[in-house]
Structure formats: structure tokens, C-alpha cells
Amino acid sequence: MGSAVESDKKHEMDMSCMADMNGVPMSAMGPSMEAMACHMYVTPLRAKQPGDEGKAKAVVEAVKATIEKYKDYRKAIADGYVQANPKVKQPQYHFNNEAYAREADTRFDPTKPTSLLYIDTPTERFKLEGVMFTAAPNATENELNERIPLSIAHWHKHINFCGAPADKTAEYHGAHPKFGMFGSIHTKAACDAEHGTFMPTMFTWMIHVFPYEPDPKEVFSLNDDVPHVR
């Protein structure tokens, strides 16, 4: 009986997080993003305005032209991109440019993505599939809309982070983590009760662009677990 009640409570907790997803179905996100559902805020789709499609298409074309040379990841490294978590096997690898990230806090330049996104394939180590743009964490949704229209794509940010106290850092990991981006704790009250450090927002606003994606609906996909390049 107890386990059934606990299961019901967990389901209720998970469903309470869905408001921050603004109607984006879990099926559109993939396991990696879905596991962070309680720690994600996704911008709602706006009504399409004249010029939105053209603006988004221009960004995608600029991205494609810019990153062509980075199909060789060594050229990305030469231009200041640094692989994140190089010792960790990942479904998608981020190569980050700190200088471009700082610049993105105040201005948008589609030729300077904060991150390059790579995947492994059976025949190629670090196959380029797209980019990630960022914006300052305090940017308004109207400002994001000026960069890439919110009628076309969803921006997202990571929220409700509970940092583990020093004696509980092991609980960032495992099948049922308590702390961090995949943790069960997603409210300040619950975090305080565990003597953790609660942060309402982590990192910056983010958006992924996959210019090689053959399906136009997937160019701004939230699913990082499937390849977006052939």
C-alpha cells in the first residue's frame, strides 16, 4: 500500500512540473530533456507574425554557412571552442566558446554560436549536427523573440536547481538522484529541508539549431537524443 501511495505522489509531483513546459509534449523532447522536466522552463509558442518565418530562415542559413568549416572539429578547437565534459560519454557533445557566450548576453550574432553540437556515428567521431545559442538569464521573452521568433521555436532555460550539501554530493547520481538537474527536488522548501542550496535559474537561456535537419519541423528540436544530421 505504501509503495502505491508513494508512486501516486511521485506522479502528482511530476505532473505539477508540466506547467513550465507550456504545452510541449514529453514525446517531443527525448529521454535526456524529459528527465529534466521539473528543471526546465520552455517558452510558449506565440501567434505567428509577418516576417517571423523569414527571420528564422535567415538565422538557419547563416548558421549553416558559418559552421561548414567546423565539420572538422579540430578547426572548432583552433577557433576557441572547448569540449565540455570530455571524459563523459554523451548522446550529444557541446564544444563551447566562452567569448561568444559573453557576447551573446548582450547581442545576437548568428555567425557566433555559443556552442557547436556534435554526435558520434559508427564511422565518424564528432560529426557536426548543429549549434546552441544562448542569451542572458534575465533576458525577456520579447528579447528572445527578436533573436529567433517564439512563434517558430522554443527557447528554454534550466530552473529549480538544488545544489547538494557537501555530505550528500553522491545524490547527484544514481537511478533516482535527489539533487541537481535530474533530481527529484525542485522546490525551495524541499531543498531547504535537505540543507541544499536552491537556485531558481541556472545558466542562461538556450536554443538549439539543427540546420542539416531534413525535416523543417525538427530544425529547432528539443530532442537531443536523436541525430539531426544524416
Protein backbone atom coordinates (compact mmCIF):
# COMPACT_ATOMS: atom_id res chain seq x y z
CA MET A 1 0.00 0.00 0.00
CA GLY A 2 2.80 2.42 0.95
CA SER A 3 4.60 1.98 -2.36
CA ALA A 4 1.41 2.66 -4.30
CA VAL A 5 0.87 5.90 -2.37
CA GLU A 6 4.46 6.94 -2.99
CA SER A 7 4.04 6.19 -6.68
CA ASP A 8 0.90 8.34 -6.79
CA LYS A 9 2.72 11.19 -5.05
CA LYS A 10 5.61 10.98 -7.50
CA HIS A 11 3.20 11.07 -10.43
CA GLU A 12 1.48 14.09 -8.92
CA MET A 13 4.83 15.83 -8.43
CA ASP A 14 5.92 15.17 -11.98
CA MET A 15 2.63 16.45 -13.38
CA SER A 16 2.98 19.65 -11.35
CA CYS A 17 6.10 20.45 -13.36
CA MET A 18 4.28 20.37 -16.66
CA ALA A 19 3.11 23.99 -16.36
CA ASP A 20 6.68 25.10 -17.07
CA MET A 21 6.67 23.12 -20.33
CA ASN A 22 3.94 25.33 -21.80
CA GLY A 23 2.26 22.59 -23.75
CA VAL A 24 5.37 20.94 -25.19
CA PRO A 25 4.72 17.17 -25.04
CA MET A 26 7.30 14.91 -23.47
CA SER A 27 7.36 12.93 -26.72
CA ALA A 28 8.96 15.93 -28.41
CA MET A 29 11.87 16.06 -26.01
CA GLY A 30 13.60 12.69 -25.73
CA PRO A 31 14.80 10.99 -22.53
CA SER A 32 17.58 13.48 -21.70
CA MET A 33 15.31 16.53 -21.65
CA GLU A 34 12.36 14.58 -20.26
CA ALA A 35 14.46 13.60 -17.25
CA MET A 36 14.86 17.32 -16.53
CA ALA A 37 11.16 18.15 -16.82
CA CYS A 38 10.99 19.58 -13.29
CA HIS A 39 14.02 21.70 -14.03
CA MET A 40 13.05 23.16 -17.39
CA TYR A 41 11.13 26.20 -18.49
CA VAL A 42 10.17 26.29 -22.17
CA THR A 43 8.80 29.40 -23.84
CA PRO A 44 5.23 29.11 -25.11
CA LEU A 45 4.55 29.36 -28.82
CA ARG A 46 3.32 32.77 -29.89
CA ALA A 47 0.98 33.62 -32.72
CA LYS A 48 2.92 33.92 -35.96
CA GLN A 49 3.66 37.47 -37.06
CA PRO A 50 4.59 38.76 -40.52
CA GLY A 51 8.29 38.24 -41.08
CA ASP A 52 8.77 35.54 -38.43
CA GLU A 53 9.38 32.72 -40.87
CA GLY A 54 11.80 34.81 -42.91
CA LYS A 55 13.75 35.85 -39.82
CA ALA A 56 14.06 32.26 -38.60
CA LYS A 57 15.07 31.02 -42.04
CA ALA A 58 17.77 33.70 -42.26
CA VAL A 59 19.23 32.55 -38.95
CA VAL A 60 19.31 28.93 -40.11
CA GLU A 61 21.03 29.85 -43.37
CA ALA A 62 23.60 31.97 -41.54
CA VAL A 63 24.29 29.09 -39.16
CA LYS A 64 24.76 26.62 -42.00
CA ALA A 65 27.22 28.88 -43.79
CA THR A 66 29.13 29.69 -40.61
CA ILE A 67 29.65 26.16 -39.34
CA GLU A 68 30.58 24.45 -42.58
CA LYS A 69 34.27 24.58 -41.68
CA TYR A 70 33.55 23.13 -38.24
CA LYS A 71 32.65 19.78 -39.74
CA ASP A 72 36.30 19.26 -38.87
CA TYR A 73 36.11 19.61 -35.09
CA ARG A 74 39.81 20.45 -34.93
CA LYS A 75 39.05 23.75 -36.67
CA ALA A 76 36.48 24.46 -33.96
CA ILE A 77 39.13 23.93 -31.31
CA ALA A 78 41.51 26.20 -33.20
CA ASP A 79 38.83 28.92 -33.15
CA GLY A 80 38.36 28.78 -29.38
CA TYR A 81 35.73 26.09 -28.90
CA VAL A 82 36.39 23.77 -25.96
CA GLN A 83 34.76 20.37 -25.46
CA ALA A 84 32.58 20.16 -22.35
CA ASN A 85 32.96 17.08 -20.13
CA PRO A 86 35.49 15.40 -22.43
CA LYS A 87 35.71 12.23 -20.34
CA VAL A 88 31.95 11.58 -20.30
CA LYS A 89 30.15 9.57 -22.98
CA GLN A 90 27.20 11.66 -24.17
CA PRO A 91 24.45 11.47 -26.80
CA GLN A 92 25.47 14.97 -27.85
CA TYR A 93 28.75 16.81 -27.31
CA HIS A 94 28.94 20.54 -26.69
CA PHE A 95 32.01 22.48 -27.76
CA ASN A 96 31.67 25.87 -26.06
CA ASN A 97 33.15 29.26 -26.89
CA GLU A 98 33.33 31.43 -23.78
CA ALA A 99 33.99 34.65 -25.66
CA TYR A 100 30.89 34.15 -27.82
CA ALA A 101 28.86 33.24 -24.72
CA ARG A 102 29.77 36.55 -23.08
CA GLU A 103 28.91 38.45 -26.23
CA ALA A 104 25.57 36.65 -26.51
CA ASP A 105 24.50 38.12 -23.18
CA THR A 106 24.08 41.50 -24.83
CA ARG A 107 23.75 40.94 -28.59
CA PHE A 108 22.76 38.22 -31.03
CA ASP A 109 25.09 37.24 -33.86
CA PRO A 110 24.03 34.10 -35.79
CA THR A 111 27.61 33.72 -37.01
CA LYS A 112 28.89 33.30 -33.43
CA PRO A 113 27.06 30.38 -31.78
CA THR A 114 27.91 29.81 -28.14
CA SER A 115 28.24 26.06 -28.73
CA LEU A 116 28.77 23.62 -31.55
CA LEU A 117 26.88 20.33 -31.22
CA TYR A 118 28.44 17.04 -32.29
CA ILE A 119 27.41 13.39 -32.17
CA ASP A 120 29.28 10.12 -32.60
CA THR A 121 28.39 7.90 -35.54
CA PRO A 122 29.66 4.42 -36.44
CA THR A 123 32.02 6.00 -38.97
CA GLU A 124 32.83 9.41 -37.52
CA ARG A 125 33.97 10.80 -34.19
CA PHE A 126 32.38 14.22 -33.61
CA LYS A 127 30.02 14.60 -36.53
CA LEU A 128 28.64 18.15 -36.57
CA GLU A 129 24.87 18.40 -36.29
CA GLY A 130 24.13 21.93 -35.13
CA VAL A 131 24.65 24.78 -32.70
CA MET A 132 23.37 26.24 -29.47
CA PHE A 133 22.72 29.94 -28.97
CA THR A 134 22.42 31.49 -25.54
CA ALA A 135 21.05 34.71 -24.08
CA ALA A 136 21.43 36.32 -20.67
CA PRO A 137 19.36 34.58 -17.97
CA ASN A 138 17.47 37.82 -17.29
CA ALA A 139 16.59 38.39 -20.96
CA THR A 140 12.89 38.89 -21.52
CA GLU A 141 10.88 36.69 -23.84
CA ASN A 142 10.37 39.72 -26.08
CA GLU A 143 14.14 39.98 -26.40
CA LEU A 144 14.40 36.28 -27.23
CA ASN A 145 11.67 36.78 -29.81
CA GLU A 146 13.81 39.42 -31.52
CA ARG A 147 16.61 36.88 -31.90
CA ILE A 148 14.66 33.82 -33.04
CA PRO A 149 10.87 34.23 -33.15
CA LEU A 150 8.89 32.45 -30.44
CA SER A 151 6.23 31.57 -32.99
CA ILE A 152 8.76 29.33 -34.72
CA ALA A 153 10.92 27.91 -31.94
CA HIS A 154 11.07 27.28 -28.20
CA TRP A 155 13.84 28.79 -26.11
CA HIS A 156 14.45 27.07 -22.79
CA LYS A 157 16.26 27.59 -19.52
CA HIS A 158 17.10 25.37 -16.56
CA ILE A 159 15.28 26.17 -13.33
CA ASN A 160 14.67 24.96 -9.77
CA PHE A 161 18.18 23.63 -9.14
CA CYS A 162 19.01 22.28 -5.69
CA GLY A 163 22.73 22.06 -5.01
CA ALA A 164 23.68 19.24 -2.66
CA PRO A 165 25.38 19.92 0.67
CA ALA A 166 28.95 18.61 0.92
CA ASP A 167 27.93 15.37 2.64
CA LYS A 168 25.29 14.46 0.02
CA THR A 169 27.02 15.00 -3.31
CA ALA A 170 26.66 11.30 -4.16
CA GLU A 171 22.93 12.01 -4.51
CA TYR A 172 23.52 13.90 -7.74
CA HIS A 173 23.88 10.48 -9.33
CA GLY A 174 22.26 7.06 -9.42
CA ALA A 175 18.95 5.78 -10.70
CA HIS A 176 16.95 8.20 -8.53
CA PRO A 177 19.03 11.34 -7.88
CA LYS A 178 17.81 13.82 -5.34
CA PHE A 179 19.87 16.88 -6.28
CA GLY A 180 20.84 18.67 -9.48
CA MET A 181 19.26 18.90 -12.92
CA PHE A 182 17.91 15.37 -12.79
CA GLY A 183 17.00 15.46 -9.09
CA SER A 184 13.62 14.88 -7.51
CA ILE A 185 13.93 18.12 -5.50
CA HIS A 186 12.51 21.06 -7.45
CA THR A 187 11.15 23.46 -4.83
CA LYS A 188 12.94 25.79 -2.42
CA ALA A 189 11.12 24.32 0.56
CA ALA A 190 12.24 20.78 -0.27
CA CYS A 191 15.77 21.98 -0.96
CA ASP A 192 15.97 23.88 2.33
CA ALA A 193 14.73 20.80 4.18
CA GLU A 194 17.73 18.88 2.80
CA HIS A 195 20.12 21.74 3.63
CA GLY A 196 20.80 22.29 -0.05
CA THR A 197 21.38 25.49 -1.99
CA PHE A 198 18.40 26.47 -4.14
CA MET A 199 18.84 28.40 -7.39
CA PRO A 200 15.65 29.42 -9.23
CA THR A 201 17.58 29.73 -12.52
CA MET A 202 20.75 28.01 -13.69
CA PHE A 203 22.89 29.01 -16.66
CA THR A 204 21.42 31.05 -19.50
CA TRP A 205 18.57 30.96 -21.97
CA MET A 206 19.34 28.37 -24.67
CA ILE A 207 18.12 27.27 -28.07
CA HIS A 208 19.43 24.58 -30.43
CA VAL A 209 19.50 24.96 -34.21
CA PHE A 210 20.00 21.94 -36.47
CA PRO A 211 20.46 23.38 -39.97
CA TYR A 212 21.10 20.00 -41.62
CA GLU A 213 17.83 18.51 -40.36
CA PRO A 214 15.80 17.37 -43.41
CA ASP A 215 12.51 17.82 -41.54
CA PRO A 216 11.84 21.57 -41.18
CA LYS A 217 9.84 20.89 -38.02
CA GLU A 218 12.97 19.48 -36.38
CA VAL A 219 15.36 22.34 -37.14
CA PHE A 220 14.70 23.79 -33.67
CA SER A 221 14.13 20.43 -31.97
CA LEU A 222 14.24 19.98 -28.18
CA ASN A 223 15.21 16.32 -28.59
CA ASP A 224 18.97 15.85 -28.14
CA ASP A 225 18.81 12.05 -28.12
CA VAL A 226 18.27 11.54 -31.83
CA PRO A 227 20.65 12.54 -34.62
CA HIS A 228 19.71 15.64 -36.58
CA VAL A 229 22.10 15.03 -39.43
CA ARG A 230 22.37 12.23 -41.96
